[in-house]
Every structure is written in C-alpha cells, then in structure tokens.
N, C-alpha and C. Protein backbone atom coordinates (compact mmCIF):
# COMPACT_ATOMS: atom_id res chain seq x y z
N UNK A 1 -15.80 6.40 -27.16
CA UNK A 1 -15.84 4.97 -26.91
C UNK A 1 -17.30 4.61 -26.58
N UNK A 2 -17.77 3.50 -27.15
CA UNK A 2 -19.16 3.13 -26.88
C UNK A 2 -19.29 2.47 -25.51
N UNK A 3 -20.51 2.26 -25.09
CA UNK A 3 -20.79 1.76 -23.74
C UNK A 3 -20.23 0.36 -23.53
N UNK A 4 -20.35 -0.52 -24.51
CA UNK A 4 -19.84 -1.89 -24.37
C UNK A 4 -18.32 -1.89 -24.21
N UNK A 5 -17.64 -1.08 -24.99
CA UNK A 5 -16.18 -1.01 -24.90
C UNK A 5 -15.76 -0.44 -23.55
N UNK A 6 -16.46 0.56 -23.09
CA UNK A 6 -16.15 1.15 -21.78
C UNK A 6 -16.33 0.13 -20.67
N UNK A 7 -17.42 -0.63 -20.73
CA UNK A 7 -17.66 -1.66 -19.72
C UNK A 7 -16.59 -2.75 -19.78
N UNK A 8 -16.17 -3.11 -20.97
CA UNK A 8 -15.15 -4.13 -21.13
C UNK A 8 -13.82 -3.66 -20.54
N UNK A 9 -13.45 -2.42 -20.82
CA UNK A 9 -12.21 -1.87 -20.28
C UNK A 9 -12.28 -1.83 -18.75
N UNK A 10 -13.40 -1.39 -18.21
CA UNK A 10 -13.57 -1.33 -16.76
C UNK A 10 -13.48 -2.72 -16.15
N UNK A 11 -14.10 -3.70 -16.78
CA UNK A 11 -14.05 -5.08 -16.29
C UNK A 11 -12.61 -5.61 -16.28
N UNK A 12 -11.86 -5.35 -17.33
CA UNK A 12 -10.47 -5.80 -17.41
C UNK A 12 -9.64 -5.15 -16.31
N UNK A 13 -9.83 -3.86 -16.10
CA UNK A 13 -9.08 -3.15 -15.05
C UNK A 13 -9.41 -3.74 -13.68
N UNK A 14 -10.68 -3.96 -13.41
CA UNK A 14 -11.08 -4.52 -12.12
C UNK A 14 -10.54 -5.93 -11.92
N UNK A 15 -10.57 -6.75 -12.96
CA UNK A 15 -10.04 -8.11 -12.84
C UNK A 15 -8.54 -8.09 -12.61
N UNK A 16 -7.84 -7.20 -13.27
CA UNK A 16 -6.39 -7.11 -13.06
C UNK A 16 -6.09 -6.66 -11.63
N UNK A 17 -6.85 -5.71 -11.13
CA UNK A 17 -6.66 -5.23 -9.76
C UNK A 17 -6.94 -6.36 -8.77
N UNK A 18 -8.00 -7.14 -9.03
CA UNK A 18 -8.34 -8.26 -8.16
C UNK A 18 -7.22 -9.29 -8.15
N UNK A 19 -6.67 -9.62 -9.31
CA UNK A 19 -5.58 -10.59 -9.39
C UNK A 19 -4.35 -10.08 -8.65
N UNK A 20 -4.04 -8.79 -8.81
CA UNK A 20 -2.88 -8.23 -8.12
C UNK A 20 -3.08 -8.28 -6.61
N UNK A 21 -4.28 -7.99 -6.16
CA UNK A 21 -4.57 -8.01 -4.73
C UNK A 21 -4.50 -9.43 -4.19
N UNK A 22 -5.04 -10.36 -4.94
CA UNK A 22 -5.07 -11.74 -4.51
C UNK A 22 -3.67 -12.34 -4.43
N UNK A 23 -2.76 -11.86 -5.25
CA UNK A 23 -1.42 -12.42 -5.32
C UNK A 23 -0.53 -11.97 -4.15
N UNK A 24 -0.93 -10.92 -3.45
CA UNK A 24 -0.12 -10.38 -2.35
C UNK A 24 -0.30 -11.24 -1.11
N UNK A 25 0.81 -11.57 -0.49
CA UNK A 25 0.78 -12.23 0.80
C UNK A 25 0.98 -11.15 1.84
N UNK A 26 -0.06 -10.92 2.64
CA UNK A 26 0.01 -9.87 3.65
C UNK A 26 0.91 -10.32 4.80
N UNK A 27 2.00 -9.60 4.95
CA UNK A 27 2.96 -9.90 6.00
C UNK A 27 3.61 -8.58 6.42
N UNK A 28 3.25 -8.06 7.60
CA UNK A 28 3.80 -6.77 7.99
C UNK A 28 5.32 -6.75 8.12
N UNK A 29 5.92 -7.91 8.29
CA UNK A 29 7.39 -7.97 8.35
C UNK A 29 8.00 -7.49 7.03
N UNK A 30 7.24 -7.61 5.94
CA UNK A 30 7.72 -7.15 4.64
C UNK A 30 7.98 -5.64 4.63
N UNK A 31 7.36 -4.93 5.58
CA UNK A 31 7.55 -3.48 5.65
C UNK A 31 8.73 -3.08 6.53
N UNK A 32 9.48 -4.04 7.02
CA UNK A 32 10.61 -3.71 7.91
C UNK A 32 11.65 -2.79 7.25
N UNK A 33 11.86 -2.84 5.93
CA UNK A 33 12.80 -1.87 5.34
C UNK A 33 12.35 -0.42 5.50
N UNK A 34 11.09 -0.21 5.90
CA UNK A 34 10.57 1.14 6.07
C UNK A 34 10.64 1.63 7.51
N UNK A 35 11.00 0.76 8.44
CA UNK A 35 10.96 1.11 9.86
C UNK A 35 11.77 2.37 10.17
N UNK A 36 12.98 2.45 9.67
CA UNK A 36 13.84 3.60 9.96
C UNK A 36 13.23 4.88 9.40
N UNK A 37 12.72 4.82 8.19
CA UNK A 37 12.14 6.01 7.56
C UNK A 37 10.86 6.44 8.28
N UNK A 38 10.08 5.49 8.78
CA UNK A 38 8.84 5.82 9.49
C UNK A 38 9.15 6.44 10.85
N UNK A 39 10.14 5.90 11.54
CA UNK A 39 10.45 6.35 12.90
C UNK A 39 11.30 7.61 12.95
N UNK A 40 11.96 7.93 11.84
CA UNK A 40 12.78 9.15 11.80
C UNK A 40 12.37 9.96 10.58
N UNK A 41 13.12 10.93 10.26
CA UNK A 41 12.76 11.75 9.10
C UNK A 41 13.65 11.45 7.90
N UNK A 42 14.22 10.23 7.87
CA UNK A 42 15.06 9.86 6.74
C UNK A 42 14.21 9.52 5.52
N UNK A 43 14.81 9.66 4.37
CA UNK A 43 14.12 9.36 3.12
C UNK A 43 13.98 7.84 2.99
N UNK A 44 12.80 7.35 2.58
CA UNK A 44 12.64 5.91 2.41
C UNK A 44 13.49 5.39 1.25
N UNK A 45 13.97 4.18 1.41
CA UNK A 45 14.77 3.55 0.36
C UNK A 45 13.88 3.05 -0.77
N UNK A 46 14.50 2.70 -1.87
CA UNK A 46 13.76 2.13 -3.00
C UNK A 46 13.11 0.81 -2.59
N UNK A 47 13.80 0.03 -1.75
CA UNK A 47 13.24 -1.25 -1.27
C UNK A 47 12.00 -0.98 -0.43
N UNK A 48 12.07 0.02 0.44
CA UNK A 48 10.92 0.39 1.26
C UNK A 48 9.73 0.76 0.38
N UNK A 49 9.96 1.62 -0.59
CA UNK A 49 8.87 2.05 -1.48
C UNK A 49 8.27 0.87 -2.24
N UNK A 50 9.12 -0.03 -2.69
CA UNK A 50 8.61 -1.22 -3.40
C UNK A 50 7.74 -2.07 -2.48
N UNK A 51 8.17 -2.21 -1.23
CA UNK A 51 7.41 -3.02 -0.27
C UNK A 51 6.08 -2.35 0.09
N UNK A 52 6.08 -1.03 0.21
CA UNK A 52 4.82 -0.33 0.50
C UNK A 52 3.84 -0.53 -0.65
N UNK A 53 4.32 -0.40 -1.86
CA UNK A 53 3.45 -0.60 -3.02
C UNK A 53 2.95 -2.03 -3.08
N UNK A 54 3.80 -2.98 -2.75
CA UNK A 54 3.43 -4.40 -2.76
C UNK A 54 2.40 -4.71 -1.67
N UNK A 55 2.58 -4.13 -0.50
CA UNK A 55 1.72 -4.42 0.65
C UNK A 55 0.51 -3.49 0.75
N UNK A 56 0.35 -2.58 -0.18
CA UNK A 56 -0.75 -1.60 -0.13
C UNK A 56 -2.12 -2.26 0.07
N UNK A 57 -2.44 -3.36 -0.61
CA UNK A 57 -3.75 -3.97 -0.38
C UNK A 57 -3.96 -4.46 1.05
N UNK A 58 -2.90 -4.58 1.81
CA UNK A 58 -2.96 -5.11 3.17
C UNK A 58 -3.04 -4.03 4.24
N UNK A 59 -2.78 -2.79 3.87
CA UNK A 59 -2.61 -1.73 4.87
C UNK A 59 -3.85 -1.50 5.72
N UNK A 60 -5.04 -1.63 5.16
CA UNK A 60 -6.25 -1.43 5.97
C UNK A 60 -6.36 -2.50 7.05
N UNK A 61 -5.98 -3.72 6.72
CA UNK A 61 -5.98 -4.78 7.75
C UNK A 61 -4.93 -4.49 8.82
N UNK A 62 -3.79 -3.97 8.42
CA UNK A 62 -2.77 -3.62 9.39
C UNK A 62 -3.27 -2.52 10.32
N UNK A 63 -4.05 -1.59 9.78
CA UNK A 63 -4.58 -0.49 10.59
C UNK A 63 -5.56 -0.99 11.65
N UNK A 64 -6.19 -2.11 11.39
CA UNK A 64 -7.15 -2.68 12.34
C UNK A 64 -6.46 -3.46 13.46
N UNK A 65 -5.20 -3.80 13.24
CA UNK A 65 -4.45 -4.57 14.22
C UNK A 65 -3.90 -3.62 15.30
N UNK A 66 -4.30 -3.81 16.57
CA UNK A 66 -3.85 -2.90 17.62
C UNK A 66 -2.33 -2.83 17.78
N UNK A 67 -1.63 -3.89 17.42
CA UNK A 67 -0.17 -3.89 17.54
C UNK A 67 0.51 -3.13 16.40
N UNK A 68 -0.16 -2.99 15.28
CA UNK A 68 0.44 -2.36 14.10
C UNK A 68 -0.07 -0.96 13.83
N UNK A 69 -1.29 -0.66 14.28
CA UNK A 69 -1.92 0.59 13.87
C UNK A 69 -1.16 1.83 14.30
N UNK A 70 -0.45 1.78 15.42
CA UNK A 70 0.29 2.98 15.85
C UNK A 70 1.40 3.33 14.86
N UNK A 71 1.90 2.33 14.14
CA UNK A 71 2.94 2.59 13.14
C UNK A 71 2.32 2.98 11.80
N UNK A 72 1.29 2.24 11.39
CA UNK A 72 0.68 2.46 10.08
C UNK A 72 -0.07 3.79 10.03
N UNK A 73 -0.65 4.20 11.16
CA UNK A 73 -1.39 5.46 11.21
C UNK A 73 -0.52 6.65 11.62
N UNK A 74 0.74 6.44 11.82
CA UNK A 74 1.62 7.50 12.30
C UNK A 74 1.91 8.54 11.21
N UNK A 75 2.24 9.75 11.63
CA UNK A 75 2.63 10.77 10.65
C UNK A 75 3.82 10.32 9.80
N UNK A 76 4.74 9.55 10.40
CA UNK A 76 5.89 9.05 9.64
C UNK A 76 5.48 8.12 8.51
N UNK A 77 4.49 7.25 8.77
CA UNK A 77 4.01 6.34 7.73
C UNK A 77 3.34 7.11 6.61
N UNK A 78 2.59 8.14 6.98
CA UNK A 78 1.93 8.96 5.96
C UNK A 78 2.97 9.70 5.12
N UNK A 79 4.02 10.18 5.77
CA UNK A 79 5.09 10.88 5.06
C UNK A 79 5.82 9.93 4.11
N UNK A 80 6.11 8.71 4.59
CA UNK A 80 6.81 7.73 3.76
C UNK A 80 5.95 7.34 2.56
N UNK A 81 4.67 7.10 2.78
CA UNK A 81 3.78 6.75 1.67
C UNK A 81 3.77 7.86 0.62
N UNK A 82 3.67 9.09 1.08
CA UNK A 82 3.67 10.22 0.15
C UNK A 82 5.00 10.31 -0.59
N UNK A 83 6.09 10.13 0.12
CA UNK A 83 7.42 10.18 -0.48
C UNK A 83 7.60 9.09 -1.53
N UNK A 84 6.97 7.95 -1.29
CA UNK A 84 7.06 6.82 -2.23
C UNK A 84 6.06 6.93 -3.38
N UNK A 85 5.19 7.94 -3.32
CA UNK A 85 4.19 8.09 -4.39
C UNK A 85 3.08 7.09 -4.28
N UNK A 86 2.84 6.59 -3.09
CA UNK A 86 1.78 5.62 -2.86
C UNK A 86 0.67 6.30 -2.08
N UNK A 87 -0.55 6.32 -2.61
CA UNK A 87 -1.64 6.97 -1.87
C UNK A 87 -1.85 6.30 -0.51
N UNK A 88 -2.03 7.12 0.51
CA UNK A 88 -2.31 6.60 1.85
C UNK A 88 -3.73 6.04 1.82
N UNK A 89 -3.93 4.84 2.33
CA UNK A 89 -5.26 4.21 2.21
C UNK A 89 -6.34 4.92 3.03
N UNK A 90 -7.51 4.91 2.49
CA UNK A 90 -8.70 5.39 3.21
C UNK A 90 -9.55 4.17 3.49
N UNK A 91 -9.54 3.76 4.71
CA UNK A 91 -10.22 2.51 5.07
C UNK A 91 -11.57 2.79 5.70
C-alpha cells in the first residue's frame, strides 16, 4: 500500500474512533449491570460486557473520580474487563 493510501486509511480509522467516542454519554450508572460481577467472582452478563465496551472511552475519567476509582481500579473490574474481552484502560 502506498503512503497516501496508508495515511487515508489511518485518517478514516481515527475519525471513526473520534465519532464513536464523541457519541458516548459518560454515565457510571450505565455500568450497574456489572456491579455483581465486579464485587464477586461471578461471570459478567452479556449486558455488562456491552456496557463496558460502550463506556470504555469514559473509564479513565471514572478512575480520576475518588468515589468511583475504588471500583474501576479493583481486581474485580480488571477481571470483568478481561472476561468481556475489553482491554483495561491505561490512563
């Protein structure tokens, strides 16, 4: 692939990612279907996994919130993210 085509593909990917991020309404309540799986060792539900994937662009902001960070940074949250196939954010 030539340089112009590579740049065009990269630009399209970045614009799509930006649009997907912009479309998300960050609301930690959306992650409530994951509460049981995070606090115990139960398998996360499909709804939980969908919500984690949807809220992924927001997770770094949640980590900065003192009221939320103990849940988002917990081993249970990391386990649920891994179980859902969602990379744990590096903020």
